[in-house]
């Protein structure tokens, strides 16, 4: 499908053509994502506005695996300044299914009197173009206008096409008719019909292969077919290698991520093991202390059991003797205070169980509280006296130390 005549001179018709083909539905719909069709339309409008020598079309593209799909293409010429002369390089720019997220495919489309330079740094023998702009395609900043500008610059450095020498015309008795050479140079998926271009110099740069032959320039069709088949196979191998490389790189990146995660886990496990070893050492030390204290207590129990066999009747109150009268008084007050607390607890429990009448409960609480108050007051006085005696003792010791 091609746009109506005059699309180059009428931008409105060009917009209508692109809107029509991009809005089709059903089996004839173009295989582009819906969220990218508007951007594709803008890219093509900018391209045809900047470079009117390129025409928008829809055509059938055949993949290397045999699949055919209807795609948009820009078919025309790219200006190439070379030695002060501007040449027109015929190209076809295919917008693949994943465009614009991925770069388009660009083929040079030599006419019958052109041949592709071999070797060329950016053009394969099949006509496939691979310039750095395509290899570094970045969505959504990359576009077709910048691509064509880069193509023109790289082609100007090293022209990809050369004019093919024509054999001398044969003169007959009738009207003279020049015999043109038959050349089947082309690329996979770029077999578009050659057409004249409006702006074009008389000839392309001379061929670098020399022409010392006086024989006919017609090549053997078998050799041409063989050469094209080899070129196509080479392109397929390169494509498969590139895809395989991408897959392997993704796998390697995944393995690197897994390796980093495993290293982090290894560090965490090592840290946990060190902490557990530290805890084990601390527990072993505590166990040794407990065992040592247990042995000391066992010895003390055995020693005191021997003493209890000697003394039959032991008074619990006299089992521990205080160092002085104040300490004994403090012990008595503290024991009485704690005993009254136990009595309070027993009375509370009896009241909850309704074992004691409420008035009797209050009377007992009042009496015990008064008694507890006196015991606590006495304990406070004894504690103050002990502190005063301790301070006096420390002062006497310090004074005697200075005297000596």
Protein backbone atom coordinates (compact mmCIF):
# COMPACT_ATOMS: atom_id res chain seq x y z
CA UNK A 1 0.00 0.00 0.00
CA UNK A 2 1.34 3.41 -0.97
CA UNK A 3 0.12 6.91 -0.16
CA UNK A 4 -1.89 8.84 -2.72
CA UNK A 5 -0.06 10.87 -5.31
CA UNK A 6 1.35 14.11 -4.10
CA UNK A 7 1.96 13.19 -0.48
CA UNK A 8 5.36 14.81 -0.65
CA UNK A 9 3.77 18.12 -1.63
CA UNK A 10 0.66 17.75 0.58
CA UNK A 11 1.39 17.06 4.26
CA UNK A 12 -2.33 16.73 4.96
CA UNK A 13 -2.66 13.75 2.61
CA UNK A 14 0.44 12.22 4.21
CA UNK A 15 -1.15 12.56 7.65
CA UNK A 16 -4.37 11.01 6.37
CA UNK A 17 -2.45 8.08 4.87
CA UNK A 18 -0.54 7.37 8.10
CA UNK A 19 -3.67 7.76 10.23
CA UNK A 20 -5.53 5.37 7.94
CA UNK A 21 -2.95 2.57 7.93
CA UNK A 22 -2.23 2.86 11.66
CA UNK A 23 -5.92 2.81 12.61
CA UNK A 24 -6.80 -0.33 10.65
CA UNK A 25 -8.28 -3.24 12.58
CA UNK A 26 -8.70 -6.90 11.84
CA UNK A 27 -6.46 -9.11 9.67
CA UNK A 28 -5.08 -6.11 7.76
CA UNK A 29 -4.01 -4.24 10.91
CA UNK A 30 -0.34 -3.38 11.26
CA UNK A 31 1.38 -5.33 14.08
CA UNK A 32 2.43 -2.32 16.16
CA UNK A 33 1.55 -1.78 19.82
CA UNK A 34 -1.38 0.58 20.34
CA UNK A 35 0.54 2.75 22.80
CA UNK A 36 3.31 3.39 20.23
CA UNK A 37 1.27 4.10 17.06
CA UNK A 38 1.02 7.82 17.77
CA UNK A 39 4.81 8.04 18.26
CA UNK A 40 5.38 6.05 15.03
CA UNK A 41 3.13 8.51 13.19
CA UNK A 42 5.08 11.47 14.57
CA UNK A 43 8.43 9.88 13.63
CA UNK A 44 7.30 9.29 10.03
CA UNK A 45 5.79 12.76 9.66
CA UNK A 46 9.02 14.34 10.90
CA UNK A 47 11.07 12.12 8.57
CA UNK A 48 9.08 12.90 5.42
CA UNK A 49 8.95 16.61 6.29
CA UNK A 50 12.74 16.75 6.73
CA UNK A 51 13.63 14.32 3.91
CA UNK A 52 11.00 14.47 1.11
CA UNK A 53 13.05 11.97 -0.94
CA UNK A 54 11.74 9.17 1.30
CA UNK A 55 8.21 7.89 0.65
CA UNK A 56 5.94 6.14 3.19
CA UNK A 57 4.66 2.72 2.20
CA UNK A 58 3.31 -0.51 3.61
CA UNK A 59 4.83 -3.71 2.25
CA UNK A 60 5.26 -7.37 3.11
CA UNK A 61 8.39 -8.21 5.07
CA UNK A 62 9.62 -11.82 5.21
CA UNK A 63 11.55 -12.89 8.30
CA UNK A 64 14.42 -15.36 8.19
CA UNK A 65 12.15 -18.06 9.61
CA UNK A 66 9.69 -17.65 6.73
CA UNK A 67 7.06 -15.55 8.51
CA UNK A 68 5.54 -12.74 6.46
CA UNK A 69 4.10 -9.60 7.99
CA UNK A 70 2.79 -6.31 6.67
CA UNK A 71 4.97 -3.41 7.91
CA UNK A 72 5.57 0.28 7.34
CA UNK A 73 8.66 1.31 5.40
CA UNK A 74 10.38 4.45 4.22
CA UNK A 75 11.52 3.89 0.64
CA UNK A 76 13.66 6.41 -1.19
CA UNK A 77 17.10 7.96 -1.24
CA UNK A 78 19.51 9.40 1.30
CA UNK A 79 21.73 12.28 0.20
CA UNK A 80 25.46 11.51 0.35
CA UNK A 81 27.98 14.33 -0.24
CA UNK A 82 31.18 12.86 -1.68
CA UNK A 83 34.11 14.86 -3.11
CA UNK A 84 31.96 17.94 -3.59
CA UNK A 85 29.15 16.06 -5.36
CA UNK A 86 25.85 14.99 -3.78
CA UNK A 87 24.83 11.42 -4.60
CA UNK A 88 21.57 9.68 -3.75
CA UNK A 89 21.86 6.32 -2.00
CA UNK A 90 18.68 4.24 -2.40
CA UNK A 91 17.59 2.78 0.93
CA UNK A 92 14.62 1.05 2.53
CA UNK A 93 13.91 1.62 6.22
CA UNK A 94 11.66 -1.10 7.67
CA UNK A 95 9.78 -0.31 10.88
CA UNK A 96 9.72 -3.69 12.63
CA UNK A 97 6.94 -4.96 14.92
CA UNK A 98 8.73 -3.76 18.07
CA UNK A 99 9.46 -0.26 16.74
CA UNK A 100 10.12 2.28 18.29
CA UNK A 101 11.28 0.34 21.36
CA UNK A 102 13.81 -1.38 19.08
CA UNK A 103 15.63 0.06 16.06
CA UNK A 104 14.37 -0.33 12.50
CA UNK A 105 16.07 -2.43 9.83
CA UNK A 106 17.86 -0.40 7.16
CA UNK A 107 18.86 -1.83 3.77
CA UNK A 108 20.64 -0.20 0.88
CA UNK A 109 18.64 -0.93 -2.26
CA UNK A 110 21.07 -0.93 -5.22
CA UNK A 111 19.64 -0.54 -8.71
CA UNK A 112 20.72 -2.70 -11.64
CA UNK A 113 23.73 -0.50 -12.40
CA UNK A 114 25.02 -0.42 -8.81
CA UNK A 115 27.00 -2.85 -6.67
CA UNK A 116 27.66 -2.95 -2.92
CA UNK A 117 31.21 -2.25 -1.83
CA UNK A 118 32.89 -5.29 -0.27
CA UNK A 119 34.00 -5.19 2.42
CA UNK A 120 32.19 -2.26 4.00
CA UNK A 121 32.33 -1.40 7.73
CA UNK A 122 28.62 -0.64 8.00
CA UNK A 123 26.92 -2.53 5.15
CA UNK A 124 26.81 -6.32 4.75
CA UNK A 125 26.92 -7.98 1.32
CA UNK A 126 23.15 -8.47 1.57
CA UNK A 127 22.65 -4.72 2.00
CA UNK A 128 21.86 -4.67 5.73
CA UNK A 129 23.09 -1.44 7.34
CA UNK A 130 24.50 -1.43 10.87
CA UNK A 131 25.67 2.01 11.98
CA UNK A 132 26.41 2.91 15.65
CA UNK A 133 23.15 4.89 15.90
CA UNK A 134 21.18 1.68 15.31
CA UNK A 135 23.31 -0.29 17.76
CA UNK A 136 22.88 2.40 20.43
CA UNK A 137 19.16 2.93 19.84
CA UNK A 138 17.49 4.32 22.97
CA UNK A 139 13.72 4.51 23.38
CA UNK A 140 12.08 7.05 23.24
CA UNK A 141 14.80 9.60 22.37
CA UNK A 142 16.01 7.91 19.16
CA UNK A 143 14.11 8.77 15.97
CA UNK A 144 14.19 8.37 12.19
CA UNK A 145 15.34 11.91 11.37
CA UNK A 146 18.54 11.54 13.39
CA UNK A 147 19.01 8.06 11.92
CA UNK A 148 18.90 9.33 8.33
CA UNK A 149 21.25 12.17 9.26
CA UNK A 150 23.72 9.61 10.67
CA UNK A 151 23.35 7.42 7.58
CA UNK A 152 24.22 10.36 5.34
CA UNK A 153 27.30 11.16 7.45
CA UNK A 154 28.62 7.58 7.53
CA UNK A 155 27.92 7.00 3.83
CA UNK A 156 29.83 10.19 3.03
CA UNK A 157 32.90 8.81 4.80
CA UNK A 158 32.77 5.49 2.98
CA UNK A 159 30.24 5.14 0.12
CA UNK A 160 28.45 1.78 0.24
CA UNK A 161 27.52 1.65 -3.47
CA UNK A 162 29.47 2.00 -6.71
CA UNK A 163 28.31 2.26 -10.28
CA UNK A 164 28.83 -0.89 -12.30
CA UNK A 165 30.64 -0.59 -15.63
CA UNK A 166 28.46 -1.06 -18.69
CA UNK A 167 29.70 -3.00 -21.72
CA UNK A 168 30.22 -0.98 -24.92
CA UNK A 169 27.06 -0.69 -27.04
CA UNK A 170 26.70 -3.07 -29.97
CA UNK A 171 26.03 -1.40 -33.32
CA UNK A 172 23.48 -3.11 -35.56
CA UNK A 173 22.04 -2.29 -38.94
CA UNK A 174 18.92 -1.04 -37.22
CA UNK A 175 18.68 1.44 -34.36
CA UNK A 176 21.50 1.15 -31.78
CA UNK A 177 20.45 -0.41 -28.47
CA UNK A 178 22.84 -0.46 -25.49
CA UNK A 179 23.11 -3.75 -23.63
CA UNK A 180 23.08 -3.26 -19.86
CA UNK A 181 24.66 -5.71 -17.46
CA UNK A 182 22.46 -7.90 -15.33
CA UNK A 183 23.29 -7.72 -11.63
CA UNK A 184 21.39 -9.54 -8.95
CA UNK A 185 23.01 -7.85 -5.98
CA UNK A 186 20.48 -7.40 -3.21
CA UNK A 187 19.83 -8.12 0.42
CA UNK A 188 17.47 -10.36 2.27
CA UNK A 189 14.09 -8.67 2.70
CA UNK A 190 15.19 -5.72 0.49
CA UNK A 191 14.09 -6.92 -2.94
CA UNK A 192 12.24 -3.76 -3.85
CA UNK A 193 11.92 -2.72 -7.48
CA UNK A 194 14.44 -0.15 -8.65
CA UNK A 195 12.99 3.18 -9.62
CA UNK A 196 14.40 6.48 -10.97
CA UNK A 197 15.05 9.35 -8.60
CA UNK A 198 14.49 12.96 -9.39
CA UNK A 199 17.75 14.33 -7.95
CA UNK A 200 20.70 12.23 -9.00
CA UNK A 201 24.19 12.79 -10.45
CA UNK A 202 25.31 11.20 -13.69
CA UNK A 203 27.24 8.38 -12.02
CA UNK A 204 28.29 6.95 -8.64
CA UNK A 205 31.91 6.79 -7.48
CA UNK A 206 34.01 4.42 -9.59
CA UNK A 207 34.19 0.79 -8.57
CA UNK A 208 37.27 -0.13 -6.48
CA UNK A 209 37.53 -3.58 -8.02
CA UNK A 210 39.24 -2.62 -11.28
CA UNK A 211 37.99 -3.34 -14.79
CA UNK A 212 40.78 -4.73 -16.92
CA UNK A 213 38.46 -7.21 -18.62
CA UNK A 214 37.11 -6.71 -22.11
CA UNK A 215 34.66 -9.58 -21.77
CA UNK A 216 30.97 -9.23 -21.00
CA UNK A 217 30.15 -8.11 -17.45
CA UNK A 218 27.26 -10.54 -17.13
CA UNK A 219 27.75 -12.79 -14.10
CA UNK A 220 26.85 -16.44 -13.87
CA UNK A 221 23.36 -16.73 -12.27
CA UNK A 222 24.50 -19.79 -10.32
CA UNK A 223 27.39 -17.85 -8.81
CA UNK A 224 25.10 -14.95 -7.96
CA UNK A 225 22.58 -17.31 -6.32
CA UNK A 226 25.36 -19.05 -4.42
CA UNK A 227 26.84 -15.77 -3.23
CA UNK A 228 23.46 -14.45 -2.13
CA UNK A 229 22.70 -17.70 -0.30
CA UNK A 230 26.01 -17.56 1.54
CA UNK A 231 25.41 -13.92 2.47
CA UNK A 232 21.95 -14.75 3.76
CA UNK A 233 23.31 -17.64 5.81
CA UNK A 234 26.01 -15.40 7.25
CA UNK A 235 23.38 -12.82 8.23
CA UNK A 236 21.24 -15.53 9.83
CA UNK A 237 24.24 -16.82 11.79
CA UNK A 238 25.09 -13.30 12.95
CA UNK A 239 21.48 -12.73 14.00
CA UNK A 240 21.35 -16.03 15.89
CA UNK A 241 24.67 -15.25 17.56
CA UNK A 242 23.43 -11.82 18.63
CA UNK A 243 20.22 -13.29 20.08
CA UNK A 244 22.16 -16.05 21.81
CA UNK A 245 24.58 -13.50 23.20
CA UNK A 246 21.70 -11.46 24.64
CA UNK A 247 20.22 -14.58 26.25
CA UNK A 248 23.57 -15.62 27.69
CA UNK A 249 24.26 -12.10 28.97
CA UNK A 250 20.87 -12.09 30.70
CA UNK A 251 21.65 -15.49 32.23
CA UNK A 252 25.07 -14.26 33.39
CA UNK A 253 23.48 -11.16 34.94
CA UNK A 254 21.03 -13.41 36.76
CA UNK A 255 23.86 -15.61 37.99
CA UNK A 256 25.78 -12.55 39.18
CA UNK A 257 22.70 -11.39 41.12
CA UNK A 258 22.33 -14.86 42.64
CA UNK A 259 26.03 -14.88 43.54
CA UNK A 260 25.72 -11.51 45.28
CA UNK A 261 22.67 -12.73 47.22
CA UNK A 262 24.50 -15.91 48.24
CA UNK A 263 27.49 -13.88 49.41
CA UNK A 264 25.22 -11.68 51.52
CA UNK A 265 23.65 -14.78 53.04
CA UNK A 266 27.11 -16.24 53.65
CA UNK A 267 28.10 -13.09 55.56
CA UNK A 268 24.89 -13.24 57.59
CA UNK A 269 25.44 -16.93 58.41
CA UNK A 270 29.08 -16.29 59.41
CA UNK A 271 27.96 -13.44 61.66
CA UNK A 272 25.28 -15.66 63.22
CA UNK A 273 27.81 -18.44 63.81
CA UNK A 274 30.22 -16.03 65.50
CA UNK A 275 27.44 -14.76 67.75
CA UNK A 276 26.39 -18.32 68.61
CA UNK A 277 29.99 -19.28 69.45
CA UNK A 278 30.24 -16.23 71.72
CA UNK A 279 26.99 -17.21 73.44
CA UNK A 280 28.26 -20.79 73.89
CA UNK A 281 31.47 -19.54 75.48
CA UNK A 282 29.50 -17.25 77.82
CA UNK A 283 27.14 -20.08 78.79
CA UNK A 284 30.07 -22.40 79.45
CA UNK A 285 31.62 -19.80 81.78
CA UNK A 286 28.31 -19.39 83.60
CA UNK A 287 28.01 -23.17 83.86
CA UNK A 288 31.48 -23.36 85.43
CA UNK A 289 30.50 -20.68 87.97
CA UNK A 290 27.25 -22.51 88.79
CA UNK A 291 29.09 -25.81 89.23
CA UNK A 292 31.68 -24.15 91.48
CA UNK A 293 28.99 -22.51 93.62
CA UNK A 294 27.10 -25.80 93.76
CA UNK A 295 30.23 -27.52 95.09
CA UNK A 296 30.64 -24.81 97.73
CA UNK A 297 27.01 -25.20 98.83
CA UNK A 298 27.33 -28.99 98.96
CA UNK A 299 30.38 -28.65 101.21
CA UNK A 300 28.56 -26.19 103.47
CA UNK A 301 25.51 -28.49 103.73
CA UNK A 302 27.65 -31.49 104.61
CA UNK A 303 29.51 -29.49 107.28
CA UNK A 304 26.33 -28.15 108.91
CA UNK A 305 24.57 -31.50 108.77
CA UNK A 306 27.37 -32.85 110.96
CA UNK A 307 26.76 -30.02 113.44
CA UNK A 308 23.00 -30.71 113.63
CA UNK A 309 23.71 -34.28 114.63
CA UNK A 310 25.63 -32.99 117.66
CA UNK A 311 23.00 -30.40 118.70
CA UNK A 312 19.60 -32.04 118.92
CA UNK A 313 17.35 -29.09 119.84
CA UNK A 314 18.13 -25.96 117.86
CA UNK A 315 16.24 -22.72 118.43
CA UNK A 316 15.61 -21.06 115.08
CA UNK A 317 15.65 -17.60 116.61
CA UNK A 318 19.08 -18.16 118.14
CA UNK A 319 20.58 -19.88 115.11
CA UNK A 320 21.97 -16.56 113.86
CA UNK A 321 23.51 -14.18 116.37
CA UNK A 322 23.70 -10.46 115.68
CA UNK A 323 26.92 -8.52 116.15
CA UNK A 324 25.39 -5.94 118.50
CA UNK A 325 22.15 -4.92 120.19
CA UNK A 326 21.18 -2.45 117.47
CA UNK A 327 21.45 -5.12 114.78
CA UNK A 328 19.31 -7.46 116.93
CA UNK A 329 16.74 -4.70 117.41
CA UNK A 330 16.74 -4.02 113.64
CA UNK A 331 16.23 -7.72 112.94
CA UNK A 332 13.31 -7.92 115.39
CA UNK A 333 11.59 -4.85 113.93
CA UNK A 334 12.00 -6.07 110.36
CA UNK A 335 10.67 -9.54 111.25
CA UNK A 336 7.64 -8.03 113.02
CA UNK A 337 6.97 -5.71 110.06
CA UNK A 338 7.02 -8.60 107.58
CA UNK A 339 4.87 -10.73 109.90
CA UNK A 340 2.23 -7.98 110.03
CA UNK A 341 2.31 -7.82 106.20
CA UNK A 342 1.57 -11.57 106.13
CA UNK A 343 -1.28 -10.98 108.59
CA UNK A 344 -2.72 -8.28 106.31
CA UNK A 345 -2.64 -10.72 103.39
CA UNK A 346 -4.39 -13.42 105.44
CA UNK A 347 -7.11 -10.98 106.61
CA UNK A 348 -7.71 -9.77 103.03
CA UNK A 349 -8.11 -13.32 101.79
CA UNK A 350 -10.45 -14.18 104.71
CA UNK A 351 -12.58 -11.12 103.94
CA UNK A 352 -12.86 -12.11 100.28
CA UNK A 353 -13.99 -15.59 101.30
CA UNK A 354 -16.45 -14.07 103.85
CA UNK A 355 -14.73 -15.90 106.69
CA UNK A 356 -14.33 -12.74 108.80
CA UNK A 357 -16.99 -10.09 109.45
CA UNK A 358 -16.25 -6.71 108.02
CA UNK A 359 -16.22 -4.84 111.36
CA UNK A 360 -13.84 -7.36 112.89
CA UNK A 361 -11.64 -7.07 109.76
CA UNK A 362 -11.42 -3.30 110.18
CA UNK A 363 -10.68 -3.56 113.90
CA UNK A 364 -7.83 -6.04 113.33
CA UNK A 365 -6.41 -3.95 110.47
CA UNK A 366 -6.42 -0.85 112.68
CA UNK A 367 -4.62 -2.63 115.53
CA UNK A 368 -2.04 -4.25 113.25
CA UNK A 369 -1.40 -0.98 111.39
CA UNK A 370 -0.71 0.84 114.65
CA UNK A 371 1.71 -1.90 115.72
CA UNK A 372 3.39 -1.89 112.28
CA UNK A 373 3.84 1.88 112.52
CA UNK A 374 5.73 1.58 115.81
CA UNK A 375 7.95 -1.19 114.43
CA UNK A 376 8.81 0.83 111.32
CA UNK A 377 9.50 3.96 113.37
CA UNK A 378 11.79 1.99 115.66
CA UNK A 379 13.57 0.47 112.63
CA UNK A 380 14.09 3.96 111.15
CA UNK A 381 15.62 5.21 114.42
CA UNK A 382 17.88 2.16 114.67
CA UNK A 383 18.99 2.63 111.05
CA UNK A 384 19.83 6.28 111.72
CA UNK A 385 21.78 5.35 114.84
CA UNK A 386 23.70 2.68 112.89
CA UNK A 387 24.58 5.21 110.17
CA UNK A 388 25.77 7.70 112.78
CA UNK A 389 27.86 5.05 114.52
CA UNK A 390 29.35 3.97 111.19
CA UNK A 391 30.29 7.57 110.33
CA UNK A 392 31.89 8.01 113.75
CA UNK A 393 33.87 4.80 113.33
CA UNK A 394 35.13 5.90 109.89
CA UNK A 395 36.13 9.30 111.29
CA UNK A 396 38.01 7.68 114.17
CA UNK A 397 39.85 5.40 111.76
CA UNK A 398 40.86 8.25 109.49
CA UNK A 399 42.09 10.37 112.40
CA UNK A 400 44.13 7.50 113.80
CA UNK A 401 45.62 6.95 110.35
CA UNK A 402 46.77 10.57 110.15
CA UNK A 403 48.22 10.41 113.70
CA UNK A 404 50.29 7.35 112.86
